[in-house]
C-alpha atoms as a PDB file:
ATOM      1  CA  UNK A   1      -6.872   8.627  13.717  1.00  0.00           C
ATOM      2  CA  UNK A   2      -4.222   5.695  13.614  1.00  0.00           C
ATOM      3  CA  UNK A   3      -2.829   4.008  10.879  1.00  0.00           C
ATOM      4  CA  UNK A   4      -1.033   0.562  11.078  1.00  0.00           C
ATOM      5  CA  UNK A   5       1.235  -0.651   8.457  1.00  0.00           C
ATOM      6  CA  UNK A   6       0.588  -4.493   8.531  1.00  0.00           C
ATOM      7  CA  UNK A   7       3.035  -5.028   5.691  1.00  0.00           C
ATOM      8  CA  UNK A   8       5.764  -2.900   3.940  1.00  0.00           C
ATOM      9  CA  UNK A   9       7.364  -4.968   1.230  1.00  0.00           C
ATOM     10  CA  UNK A  10       6.651  -5.099  -2.455  1.00  0.00           C
ATOM     11  CA  UNK A  11       5.049  -7.994  -4.054  1.00  0.00           C
ATOM     12  CA  UNK A  12       7.082 -11.259  -2.882  1.00  0.00           C
ATOM     13  CA  UNK A  13       7.963 -10.011   0.406  1.00  0.00           C
ATOM     14  CA  UNK A  14      11.535  -9.913   2.098  1.00  0.00           C
ATOM     15  CA  UNK A  15      13.059 -12.079   2.001  1.00  0.00           C
ATOM     16  CA  UNK A  16      11.555 -13.125  -1.381  1.00  0.00           C
ATOM     17  CA  UNK A  17      11.243 -17.016  -1.738  1.00  0.00           C
ATOM     18  CA  UNK A  18      13.458 -17.356  -4.734  1.00  0.00           C
ATOM     19  CA  UNK A  19      15.649 -14.426  -4.403  1.00  0.00           C
ATOM     20  CA  UNK A  20      19.370 -14.574  -3.775  1.00  0.00           C
ATOM     21  CA  UNK A  21      20.143 -10.812  -4.261  1.00  0.00           C
ATOM     22  CA  UNK A  22      22.440  -9.190  -1.761  1.00  0.00           C
ATOM     23  CA  UNK A  23      19.642  -7.982   0.441  1.00  0.00           C
ATOM     24  CA  UNK A  24      17.768 -11.465   0.393  1.00  0.00           C
ATOM     25  CA  UNK A  25      20.854 -13.252   1.158  1.00  0.00           C
ATOM     26  CA  UNK A  26      22.156 -10.817   3.634  1.00  0.00           C
ATOM     27  CA  UNK A  27      19.218 -10.908   5.660  1.00  0.00           C
ATOM     28  CA  UNK A  28      19.181 -14.886   5.852  1.00  0.00           C
ATOM     29  CA  UNK A  29      22.896 -15.023   6.447  1.00  0.00           C
ATOM     30  CA  UNK A  30      22.578 -11.880   9.229  1.00  0.00           C
ATOM     31  CA  UNK A  31      25.225 -10.251   7.239  1.00  0.00           C
ATOM     32  CA  UNK A  32      23.644  -6.804   7.002  1.00  0.00           C
ATOM     33  CA  UNK A  33      21.433  -5.071   9.674  1.00  0.00           C
ATOM     34  CA  UNK A  34      17.831  -5.308   8.215  1.00  0.00           C
ATOM     35  CA  UNK A  35      14.336  -6.853   9.146  1.00  0.00           C
ATOM     36  CA  UNK A  36      12.246  -8.982   7.224  1.00  0.00           C
ATOM     37  CA  UNK A  37       9.002  -7.601   5.873  1.00  0.00           C
ATOM     38  CA  UNK A  38       5.596  -8.841   4.433  1.00  0.00           C
ATOM     39  CA  UNK A  39       3.687  -7.418   1.248  1.00  0.00           C
ATOM     40  CA  UNK A  40       2.194  -4.412   1.411  1.00  0.00           C
ATOM     41  CA  UNK A  41      -0.988  -3.499   3.360  1.00  0.00           C
ATOM     42  CA  UNK A  42      -2.208  -1.136   6.000  1.00  0.00           C
ATOM     43  CA  UNK A  43      -5.284  -0.289   8.244  1.00  0.00           C
ATOM     44  CA  UNK A  44      -6.531   2.673   9.588  1.00  0.00           C
ATOM     45  CA  UNK A  45      -9.103   3.494  12.395  1.00  0.00           C
ATOM     46  CA  UNK A  46     -10.715   6.430  14.102  1.00  0.00           C
ATOM     47  CA  UNK A  47     -11.249   4.188  17.741  1.00  0.00           C
ATOM     48  CA  UNK A  48      -8.589   1.484  17.760  1.00  0.00           C
ATOM     49  CA  UNK A  49     -11.399  -1.093  17.756  1.00  0.00           C
ATOM     50  CA  UNK A  50     -12.816  -1.173  14.441  1.00  0.00           C
ATOM     51  CA  UNK A  51     -10.577  -1.019  11.361  1.00  0.00           C
ATOM     52  CA  UNK A  52     -10.746  -0.378   7.406  1.00  0.00           C
ATOM     53  CA  UNK A  53      -8.357  -2.711   5.794  1.00  0.00           C
ATOM     54  CA  UNK A  54      -6.369  -1.003   2.905  1.00  0.00           C
ATOM     55  CA  UNK A  55      -5.335  -3.643   0.596  1.00  0.00           C
ATOM     56  CA  UNK A  56      -5.363  -7.485   1.315  1.00  0.00           C
ATOM     57  CA  UNK A  57      -1.937  -8.780   1.085  1.00  0.00           C
ATOM     58  CA  UNK A  58      -1.197 -12.629   0.420  1.00  0.00           C
ATOM     59  CA  UNK A  59       0.277 -12.374   3.901  1.00  0.00           C
ATOM     60  CA  UNK A  60      -2.853 -11.092   5.690  1.00  0.00           C
ATOM     61  CA  UNK A  61      -3.206 -13.867   8.003  1.00  0.00           C
ATOM     62  CA  UNK A  62       0.347 -13.626   9.295  1.00  0.00           C
ATOM     63  CA  UNK A  63      -0.276  -9.907   9.726  1.00  0.00           C
ATOM     64  CA  UNK A  64      -3.709 -10.117  11.478  1.00  0.00           C
ATOM     65  CA  UNK A  65      -1.926 -12.846  13.681  1.00  0.00           C
ATOM     66  CA  UNK A  66       0.703 -10.344  14.764  1.00  0.00           C
ATOM     67  CA  UNK A  67      -1.390  -7.169  15.709  1.00  0.00           C
ATOM     68  CA  UNK A  68      -2.973  -7.428  18.993  1.00  0.00           C
ATOM     69  CA  UNK A  69      -5.688  -4.943  17.979  1.00  0.00           C
ATOM     70  CA  UNK A  70      -7.030  -7.505  15.452  1.00  0.00           C
ATOM     71  CA  UNK A  71      -7.645 -10.259  17.976  1.00  0.00           C
ATOM     72  CA  UNK A  72     -11.298 -11.234  18.077  1.00  0.00           C
ATOM     73  CA  UNK A  73     -12.859 -10.360  21.173  1.00  0.00           C
ATOM     74  CA  UNK A  74     -16.901 -10.389  20.771  1.00  0.00           C
ATOM     75  CA  UNK A  75     -18.794 -13.444  20.532  1.00  0.00           C
ATOM     76  CA  UNK A  76     -17.354 -16.683  18.674  1.00  0.00           C
ATOM     77  CA  UNK A  77     -16.633 -15.521  15.324  1.00  0.00           C
ATOM     78  CA  UNK A  78     -15.941 -12.000  14.882  1.00  0.00           C
ATOM     79  CA  UNK A  79     -13.477  -9.521  13.345  1.00  0.00           C
ATOM     80  CA  UNK A  80     -12.288  -5.917  13.921  1.00  0.00           C
ATOM     81  CA  UNK A  81     -11.790  -5.426  10.182  1.00  0.00           C
ATOM     82  CA  UNK A  82     -15.090  -3.982   8.961  1.00  0.00           C
ATOM     83  CA  UNK A  83     -14.202  -2.842   5.379  1.00  0.00           C
ATOM     84  CA  UNK A  84     -11.616  -3.043   2.646  1.00  0.00           C
ATOM     85  CA  UNK A  85     -10.386  -0.595   0.416  1.00  0.00           C
ATOM     86  CA  UNK A  86      -8.405  -1.595  -2.804  1.00  0.00           C
ATOM     87  CA  UNK A  87      -6.127   0.971  -4.413  1.00  0.00           C
ATOM     88  CA  UNK A  88      -5.692  -1.528  -7.420  1.00  0.00           C
ATOM     89  CA  UNK A  89      -6.134  -5.075  -8.491  1.00  0.00           C
ATOM     90  CA  UNK A  90      -2.411  -6.436  -8.195  1.00  0.00           C
ATOM     91  CA  UNK A  91      -1.912  -9.717  -6.644  1.00  0.00           C
ATOM     92  CA  UNK A  92       0.001  -8.670  -4.041  1.00  0.00           C
ATOM     93  CA  UNK A  93      -3.084  -6.282  -2.963  1.00  0.00           C
ATOM     94  CA  UNK A  94      -5.913  -8.349  -3.454  1.00  0.00           C
ATOM     95  CA  UNK A  95      -5.184 -12.149  -3.149  1.00  0.00           C
ATOM     96  CA  UNK A  96      -5.705 -11.857   0.760  1.00  0.00           C
ATOM     97  CA  UNK A  97      -9.286 -11.380  -0.015  1.00  0.00           C
ATOM     98  CA  UNK A  98      -9.370 -15.106  -0.083  1.00  0.00           C
ATOM     99  CA  UNK A  99      -8.136 -15.490   3.474  1.00  0.00           C
ATOM    100  CA  UNK A 100     -10.936 -13.592   4.620  1.00  0.00           C
ATOM    101  CA  UNK A 101     -13.581 -15.935   3.413  1.00  0.00           C
ATOM    102  CA  UNK A 102     -14.721 -17.540   6.846  1.00  0.00           C
ATOM    103  CA  UNK A 103     -16.080 -14.285   8.083  1.00  0.00           C
ATOM    104  CA  UNK A 104     -19.018 -12.008   7.556  1.00  0.00           C
ATOM    105  CA  UNK A 105     -20.135 -10.578   3.928  1.00  0.00           C
ATOM    106  CA  UNK A 106     -17.382  -8.339   3.209  1.00  0.00           C
ATOM    107  CA  UNK A 107     -17.817  -4.733   2.156  1.00  0.00           C
ATOM    108  CA  UNK A 108     -15.320  -3.706  -0.566  1.00  0.00           C
ATOM    109  CA  UNK A 109     -14.671  -0.416  -1.769  1.00  0.00           C
ATOM    110  CA  UNK A 110     -12.617  -0.030  -5.187  1.00  0.00           C
ATOM    111  CA  UNK A 111     -13.172   1.679  -8.496  1.00  0.00           C
ATOM    112  CA  UNK A 112     -15.112  -0.161 -11.382  1.00  0.00           C
ATOM    113  CA  UNK A 113     -11.941  -0.878 -13.354  1.00  0.00           C
ATOM    114  CA  UNK A 114     -10.523  -3.078 -10.016  1.00  0.00           C
ATOM    115  CA  UNK A 115     -13.773  -4.726  -9.473  1.00  0.00           C
ATOM    116  CA  UNK A 116     -13.945  -5.555 -13.211  1.00  0.00           C
ATOM    117  CA  UNK A 117     -10.422  -7.236 -13.050  1.00  0.00           C
ATOM    118  CA  UNK A 118     -11.308  -9.133  -9.785  1.00  0.00           C
ATOM    119  CA  UNK A 119     -14.737 -10.550 -11.467  1.00  0.00           C
ATOM    120  CA  UNK A 120     -12.888 -11.502 -14.892  1.00  0.00           C
ATOM    121  CA  UNK A 121      -9.047 -11.642 -15.026  1.00  0.00           C
ATOM    122  CA  UNK A 122      -8.589 -12.739 -11.634  1.00  0.00           C
ATOM    123  CA  UNK A 123     -11.971 -13.774 -10.383  1.00  0.00           C
ATOM    124  CA  UNK A 124     -11.521 -13.358  -6.633  1.00  0.00           C
ATOM    125  CA  UNK A 125     -14.713 -11.722  -6.126  1.00  0.00           C
ATOM    126  CA  UNK A 126     -16.737 -14.363  -7.908  1.00  0.00           C
ATOM    127  CA  UNK A 127     -14.895 -16.975  -5.677  1.00  0.00           C
ATOM    128  CA  UNK A 128     -16.104 -15.317  -2.643  1.00  0.00           C
ATOM    129  CA  UNK A 129     -19.461 -15.460  -3.312  1.00  0.00           C
ATOM    130  CA  UNK A 130     -19.496 -19.270  -2.740  1.00  0.00           C
ATOM    131  CA  UNK A 131     -18.293 -18.258   0.694  1.00  0.00           C
ATOM    132  CA  UNK A 132     -18.694 -14.865   2.739  1.00  0.00           C
ATOM    133  CA  UNK A 133     -20.006 -12.874  -0.210  1.00  0.00           C
ATOM    134  CA  UNK A 134     -19.095  -9.195  -0.869  1.00  0.00           C
ATOM    135  CA  UNK A 135     -20.865  -5.697  -0.977  1.00  0.00           C
ATOM    136  CA  UNK A 136     -19.040  -3.601  -3.742  1.00  0.00           C
ATOM    137  CA  UNK A 137     -18.924   0.185  -2.901  1.00  0.00           C
ATOM    138  CA  UNK A 138     -17.834   2.203  -6.153  1.00  0.00           C
ATOM    139  CA  UNK A 139     -14.866   4.628  -5.033  1.00  0.00           C
ATOM    140  CA  UNK A 140     -15.585   7.944  -6.862  1.00  0.00           C
ATOM    141  CA  UNK A 141     -12.284   9.094  -8.276  1.00  0.00           C
ATOM    142  CA  UNK A 142     -11.662  12.980  -8.704  1.00  0.00           C
ATOM    143  CA  UNK A 143     -14.931  13.693  -6.591  1.00  0.00           C
ATOM    144  CA  UNK A 144     -14.703  16.775  -4.371  1.00  0.00           C
ATOM    145  CA  UNK A 145     -17.080  14.959  -1.944  1.00  0.00           C
ATOM    146  CA  UNK A 146     -14.951  11.902  -1.308  1.00  0.00           C
ATOM    147  CA  UNK A 147     -16.399   9.147   0.324  1.00  0.00           C
ATOM    148  CA  UNK A 148     -17.131   7.622   3.760  1.00  0.00           C
ATOM    149  CA  UNK A 149     -17.528   4.256   5.165  1.00  0.00           C
ATOM    150  CA  UNK A 150     -20.498   3.306   7.407  1.00  0.00           C
ATOM    151  CA  UNK A 151     -19.364   2.837  11.214  1.00  0.00           C
ATOM    152  CA  UNK A 152     -16.319   5.288  10.409  1.00  0.00           C
ATOM    153  CA  UNK A 153     -18.011   8.594  10.678  1.00  0.00           C
ATOM    154  CA  UNK A 154     -14.808  10.190  12.031  1.00  0.00           C
ATOM    155  CA  UNK A 155     -12.774   9.367   9.015  1.00  0.00           C
ATOM    156  CA  UNK A 156     -13.055  10.909   5.530  1.00  0.00           C
ATOM    157  CA  UNK A 157     -11.928   9.445   2.144  1.00  0.00           C
ATOM    158  CA  UNK A 158     -10.547  11.031  -1.134  1.00  0.00           C
ATOM    159  CA  UNK A 159      -9.512   9.279  -4.028  1.00  0.00           C
ATOM    160  CA  UNK A 160      -7.665  10.305  -7.007  1.00  0.00           C
ATOM    161  CA  UNK A 161      -6.495   8.432 -10.114  1.00  0.00           C
ATOM    162  CA  UNK A 162      -2.818   8.189 -10.498  1.00  0.00           C
ATOM    163  CA  UNK A 163      -0.100   6.912 -12.983  1.00  0.00           C
ATOM    164  CA  UNK A 164       0.727   3.254 -12.514  1.00  0.00           C
ATOM    165  CA  UNK A 165       0.250  -0.268 -13.970  1.00  0.00           C
ATOM    166  CA  UNK A 166      -2.700  -2.444 -13.980  1.00  0.00           C
ATOM    167  CA  UNK A 167      -2.093  -6.245 -13.516  1.00  0.00           C
ATOM    168  CA  UNK A 168      -0.885  -8.622 -16.159  1.00  0.00           C
ATOM    169  CA  UNK A 169      -4.503 -10.116 -16.430  1.00  0.00           C
ATOM    170  CA  UNK A 170      -6.131  -6.859 -16.978  1.00  0.00           C
ATOM    171  CA  UNK A 171      -7.334  -5.755 -20.305  1.00  0.00           C
ATOM    172  CA  UNK A 172      -5.697  -2.140 -19.227  1.00  0.00           C
ATOM    173  CA  UNK A 173      -2.535  -3.476 -18.778  1.00  0.00           C
ATOM    174  CA  UNK A 174      -0.724  -1.779 -21.750  1.00  0.00           C
ATOM    175  CA  UNK A 175      -3.516   1.020 -21.978  1.00  0.00           C
ATOM    176  CA  UNK A 176      -3.668   2.435 -18.638  1.00  0.00           C
ATOM    177  CA  UNK A 177      -7.069   3.835 -17.708  1.00  0.00           C
ATOM    178  CA  UNK A 178      -7.880   6.466 -15.048  1.00  0.00           C
ATOM    179  CA  UNK A 179      -9.054   3.989 -11.908  1.00  0.00           C
ATOM    180  CA  UNK A 180      -6.623   1.475 -12.408  1.00  0.00           C
ATOM    181  CA  UNK A 181      -4.544   2.758  -9.661  1.00  0.00           C
ATOM    182  CA  UNK A 182      -5.561   5.300  -7.102  1.00  0.00           C
ATOM    183  CA  UNK A 183      -4.134   7.192  -4.270  1.00  0.00           C
ATOM    184  CA  UNK A 184      -5.780   8.007  -0.834  1.00  0.00           C
ATOM    185  CA  UNK A 185      -6.046  10.941   1.234  1.00  0.00           C
ATOM    186  CA  UNK A 186      -7.558   9.931   4.593  1.00  0.00           C
ATOM    187  CA  UNK A 187      -8.738  12.863   6.817  1.00  0.00           C
ATOM    188  CA  UNK A 188      -9.304  12.834  10.655  1.00  0.00           C
ATOM    189  CA  UNK A 189     -12.519  14.957  10.406  1.00  0.00           C
ATOM    190  CA  UNK A 190     -12.250  16.244  13.955  1.00  0.00           C
ATOM    191  CA  UNK A 191      -8.759  17.884  13.412  1.00  0.00           C
ATOM    192  CA  UNK A 192      -8.948  18.340   9.656  1.00  0.00           C
ATOM    193  CA  UNK A 193      -5.176  16.328   9.686  1.00  0.00           C
ATOM    194  CA  UNK A 194      -4.521  13.932   6.808  1.00  0.00           C
ATOM    195  CA  UNK A 195      -2.524  11.062   5.493  1.00  0.00           C
ATOM    196  CA  UNK A 196      -1.793  10.805   1.719  1.00  0.00           C
ATOM    197  CA  UNK A 197      -1.548   6.983   0.820  1.00  0.00           C
ATOM    198  CA  UNK A 198       0.154   5.837  -2.357  1.00  0.00           C
ATOM    199  CA  UNK A 199       1.805   2.490  -2.584  1.00  0.00           C
ATOM    200  CA  UNK A 200       2.165   2.540  -6.346  1.00  0.00           C
ATOM    201  CA  UNK A 201       2.839   5.939  -8.187  1.00  0.00           C
ATOM    202  CA  UNK A 202       4.496   6.304 -11.373  1.00  0.00           C
ATOM    203  CA  UNK A 203       4.551   9.976 -11.479  1.00  0.00           C
ATOM    204  CA  UNK A 204       4.203  13.004  -9.322  1.00  0.00           C
ATOM    205  CA  UNK A 205       2.295  15.564 -11.415  1.00  0.00           C
ATOM    206  CA  UNK A 206       1.096  18.902 -10.519  1.00  0.00           C
ATOM    207  CA  UNK A 207      -2.208  17.312  -9.370  1.00  0.00           C
ATOM    208  CA  UNK A 208      -0.515  14.728  -7.187  1.00  0.00           C
ATOM    209  CA  UNK A 209       1.695  17.311  -5.758  1.00  0.00           C
ATOM    210  CA  UNK A 210      -1.322  19.540  -4.588  1.00  0.00           C
ATOM    211  CA  UNK A 211      -2.589  16.776  -2.769  1.00  0.00           C
ATOM    212  CA  UNK A 212       0.984  15.637  -0.898  1.00  0.00           C
ATOM    213  CA  UNK A 213       1.433  18.980  -0.057  1.00  0.00           C
ATOM    214  CA  UNK A 214      -1.689  19.229   1.967  1.00  0.00           C
ATOM    215  CA  UNK A 215      -1.045  16.279   3.957  1.00  0.00           C
ATOM    216  CA  UNK A 216       0.382  15.952   7.405  1.00  0.00           C
ATOM    217  CA  UNK A 217       1.872  12.466   6.775  1.00  0.00           C
ATOM    218  CA  UNK A 218       2.940  11.030   3.280  1.00  0.00           C
ATOM    219  CA  UNK A 219       3.123   7.613   3.034  1.00  0.00           C
ATOM    220  CA  UNK A 220       4.329   6.719  -0.686  1.00  0.00           C
ATOM    221  CA  UNK A 221       5.617   4.464  -3.160  1.00  0.00           C
ATOM    222  CA  UNK A 222       9.295   3.425  -2.105  1.00  0.00           C
ATOM    223  CA  UNK A 223       9.780   0.171  -4.236  1.00  0.00           C
ATOM    224  CA  UNK A 224      12.912   1.006  -6.255  1.00  0.00           C
ATOM    225  CA  UNK A 225      15.924   3.202  -5.490  1.00  0.00           C
ATOM    226  CA  UNK A 226      16.972   3.427  -9.087  1.00  0.00           C
ATOM    227  CA  UNK A 227      15.235   2.936 -12.573  1.00  0.00           C
ATOM    228  CA  UNK A 228      17.581   0.116 -13.598  1.00  0.00           C
ATOM    229  CA  UNK A 229      17.702  -1.660 -10.174  1.00  0.00           C
ATOM    230  CA  UNK A 230      16.264  -4.906 -11.220  1.00  0.00           C
ATOM    231  CA  UNK A 231      18.173  -5.352 -14.771  1.00  0.00           C
ATOM    232  CA  UNK A 232      21.223  -4.055 -13.108  1.00  0.00           C
ATOM    233  CA  UNK A 233      21.152  -6.774 -10.478  1.00  0.00           C
ATOM    234  CA  UNK A 234      19.903  -9.409 -12.752  1.00  0.00           C
ATOM    235  CA  UNK A 235      16.586  -9.713 -10.657  1.00  0.00           C
ATOM    236  CA  UNK A 236      14.345  -8.846 -13.782  1.00  0.00           C
ATOM    237  CA  UNK A 237      14.120  -7.476 -17.007  1.00  0.00           C
ATOM    238  CA  UNK A 238      11.932  -4.388 -16.574  1.00  0.00           C
ATOM    239  CA  UNK A 239      12.581  -1.078 -15.204  1.00  0.00           C
ATOM    240  CA  UNK A 240      10.850   0.793 -12.385  1.00  0.00           C
ATOM    241  CA  UNK A 241       8.836   3.021 -14.589  1.00  0.00           C
ATOM    242  CA  UNK A 242       7.892  -0.314 -16.951  1.00  0.00           C
ATOM    243  CA  UNK A 243       6.653  -1.856 -13.651  1.00  0.00           C
ATOM    244  CA  UNK A 244       4.609   1.456 -12.658  1.00  0.00           C
ATOM    245  CA  UNK A 245       6.928   2.754  -9.862  1.00  0.00           C
ATOM    246  CA  UNK A 246       8.879   6.165  -9.616  1.00  0.00           C
ATOM    247  CA  UNK A 247      12.242   5.308  -8.276  1.00  0.00           C
ATOM    248  CA  UNK A 248      13.655   7.513  -5.175  1.00  0.00           C
ATOM    249  CA  UNK A 249      16.748   8.636  -7.024  1.00  0.00           C
ATOM    250  CA  UNK A 250      17.207  11.079  -9.986  1.00  0.00           C
ATOM    251  CA  UNK A 251      16.463  14.482 -10.698  1.00  0.00           C
ATOM    252  CA  UNK A 252      12.720  13.470 -10.939  1.00  0.00           C
ATOM    253  CA  UNK A 253      12.568  10.870  -8.358  1.00  0.00           C
ATOM    254  CA  UNK A 254      10.598  10.391  -5.281  1.00  0.00           C
ATOM    255  CA  UNK A 255      13.198  12.225  -2.946  1.00  0.00           C
ATOM    256  CA  UNK A 256      13.240  15.132  -4.875  1.00  0.00           C
ATOM    257  CA  UNK A 257       9.467  15.499  -4.787  1.00  0.00           C
ATOM    258  CA  UNK A 258       9.346  14.631  -1.128  1.00  0.00           C
ATOM    259  CA  UNK A 259      11.922  17.657  -0.373  1.00  0.00           C
ATOM    260  CA  UNK A 260       9.414  19.987  -1.642  1.00  0.00           C
ATOM    261  CA  UNK A 261       6.648  19.223   1.169  1.00  0.00           C
ATOM    262  CA  UNK A 262       6.538  20.131   4.819  1.00  0.00           C
ATOM    263  CA  UNK A 263       4.704  17.146   5.964  1.00  0.00           C
ATOM    264  CA  UNK A 264       5.503  16.097   9.365  1.00  0.00           C
ATOM    265  CA  UNK A 265       6.308  12.790   8.672  1.00  0.00           C
ATOM    266  CA  UNK A 266       7.182  11.431   5.176  1.00  0.00           C
ATOM    267  CA  UNK A 267       7.345   7.546   4.860  1.00  0.00           C
ATOM    268  CA  UNK A 268       8.450   5.396   2.052  1.00  0.00           C
ATOM    269  CA  UNK A 269       6.492   1.917   1.969  1.00  0.00           C
ATOM    270  CA  UNK A 270       6.125  -1.015  -0.506  1.00  0.00           C
ATOM    271  CA  UNK A 271       9.862  -1.402  -0.596  1.00  0.00           C
ATOM    272  CA  UNK A 272      11.046  -4.178  -3.018  1.00  0.00           C
ATOM    273  CA  UNK A 273      13.500  -6.861  -1.781  1.00  0.00           C
ATOM    274  CA  UNK A 274      16.337  -5.648  -4.218  1.00  0.00           C
ATOM    275  CA  UNK A 275      16.288  -1.894  -2.843  1.00  0.00           C
ATOM    276  CA  UNK A 276      19.340  -0.876  -0.854  1.00  0.00           C
ATOM    277  CA  UNK A 277      17.203   1.061   1.534  1.00  0.00           C
ATOM    278  CA  UNK A 278      16.730  -2.086   3.492  1.00  0.00           C
ATOM    279  CA  UNK A 279      20.118  -2.316   4.556  1.00  0.00           C
ATOM    280  CA  UNK A 280      19.931  -0.001   7.399  1.00  0.00           C
ATOM    281  CA  UNK A 281      23.687   0.788   7.070  1.00  0.00           C
ATOM    282  CA  UNK A 282      23.741   1.656   3.518  1.00  0.00           C
ATOM    283  CA  UNK A 283      24.575   5.080   1.806  1.00  0.00           C
ATOM    284  CA  UNK A 284      21.171   5.139   0.649  1.00  0.00           C
ATOM    285  CA  UNK A 285      19.428   4.750   4.008  1.00  0.00           C
ATOM    286  CA  UNK A 286      21.716   7.492   5.489  1.00  0.00           C
ATOM    287  CA  UNK A 287      20.677   9.750   2.837  1.00  0.00           C
ATOM    288  CA  UNK A 288      16.923   9.481   3.371  1.00  0.00           C
ATOM    289  CA  UNK A 289      17.455   9.701   7.161  1.00  0.00           C
ATOM    290  CA  UNK A 290      19.331  12.637   6.491  1.00  0.00           C
ATOM    291  CA  UNK A 291      16.429  13.978   4.676  1.00  0.00           C
ATOM    292  CA  UNK A 292      13.941  13.416   7.360  1.00  0.00           C
ATOM    293  CA  UNK A 293      12.433  10.497   5.563  1.00  0.00           C
ATOM    294  CA  UNK A 294      11.305   7.177   7.229  1.00  0.00           C
ATOM    295  CA  UNK A 295      11.347   3.604   5.637  1.00  0.00           C
ATOM    296  CA  UNK A 296       7.976   1.820   6.809  1.00  0.00           C
ATOM    297  CA  UNK A 297       8.656  -1.421   8.602  1.00  0.00           C
ATOM    298  CA  UNK A 298       5.806  -4.289   9.662  1.00  0.00           C
ATOM    299  CA  UNK A 299       4.005  -2.889  12.855  1.00  0.00           C
ATOM    300  CA  UNK A 300       4.835   0.561  12.230  1.00  0.00           C
ATOM    301  CA  UNK A 301       2.051   2.869  13.925  1.00  0.00           C
ATOM    302  CA  UNK A 302       1.219   6.244  12.717  1.00  0.00           C
ATOM    303  CA  UNK A 303      -0.950   8.424  14.678  1.00  0.00           C
ATOM    304  CA  UNK A 304      -2.678  11.662  13.558  1.00  0.00           C
ATOM    305  CA  UNK A 305      -4.515  13.527  15.986  1.00  0.00           C
END
C-alpha cells in the first residue's frame, strides 16, 4: 500500500497569496529554509496504478501534473484516479472536484452530512451533474465492517466521526454533528498494517486514541503550533480550537498525544502558513524531529507493506 502526499498545507497554501507573515515573507525572500506547499490532499493505492484520491484540493491540477503516477497512459482520455473520498466539506478539501469535471463519472465517498453541504450550501455536486456527473457512496461511520471501494480489493477503509468544524456555509457550523468530520484508517489487507489519516482533528479522546494506537503510520492534523497562533501574529481573529484544530503544543496538544503511540511513522500534515514548523531551522521544528515526528511535504511517499 502506498500513500502519496499531494498537498501538505492548510487552506490558502504556502505561501498564502495575501499573507506577509514571517514564514510567507521568508519563503518569498529566501530568508528562511523551507519549501512551498499546496493545499491538503493525499492519494492511496495498492498497485501504484489505480488511485483513490482523498480530498480534492483547489490545487489538484498542479498536484496531478507534478506526480508521474497520475500521467494518462491508456487511450485518449483517462486517469488513474478512480474514486474520491472526502473527509469533510471544507473548501480546501472539495473545490478540486470541479477541476475533475472533464473526466468520467466520478465515484465519491462521503458521509450524508458532507453530501448535503455539497448539494445545498456549496453545491459542487449539483454543478458536476452538468459535466461528468457523480455517483455518491455513503460512508458508514463507526461501522465495524468499514467499507471497500470497487477495484481496490487490497484496501479496507474504516471511518470514525471526530471533533472538528463544518464549513461556514453548513447549517452545522455552530452545532457540530457526527459525520461533519471524519478520520480514516486505511488497512493493507494483505499485511494487516494501517495508516490513520485525520487532517482535521479538534480533540484526541479515548476512542480516537485507540485507533491511533493501532496504526503503523499516523498522518494527522498539524495545522497550528499554538492555540493563539493566528491572533498573536495578527493573521486572524480565531483560535486553533475555534477553527476545529488541536494545536501541537500544550499539555493536551498533538505532540503530547503522539508521544504515547508506537507507530513506526508519525507525520503532521495540513500545516498552516503561520506555523513555525515550516521553518526548518526553528526550535519548534527541532523539537518535533527529536521526538521522531515528521512534517509532511508535497510529494512525500509513504509505503506500508
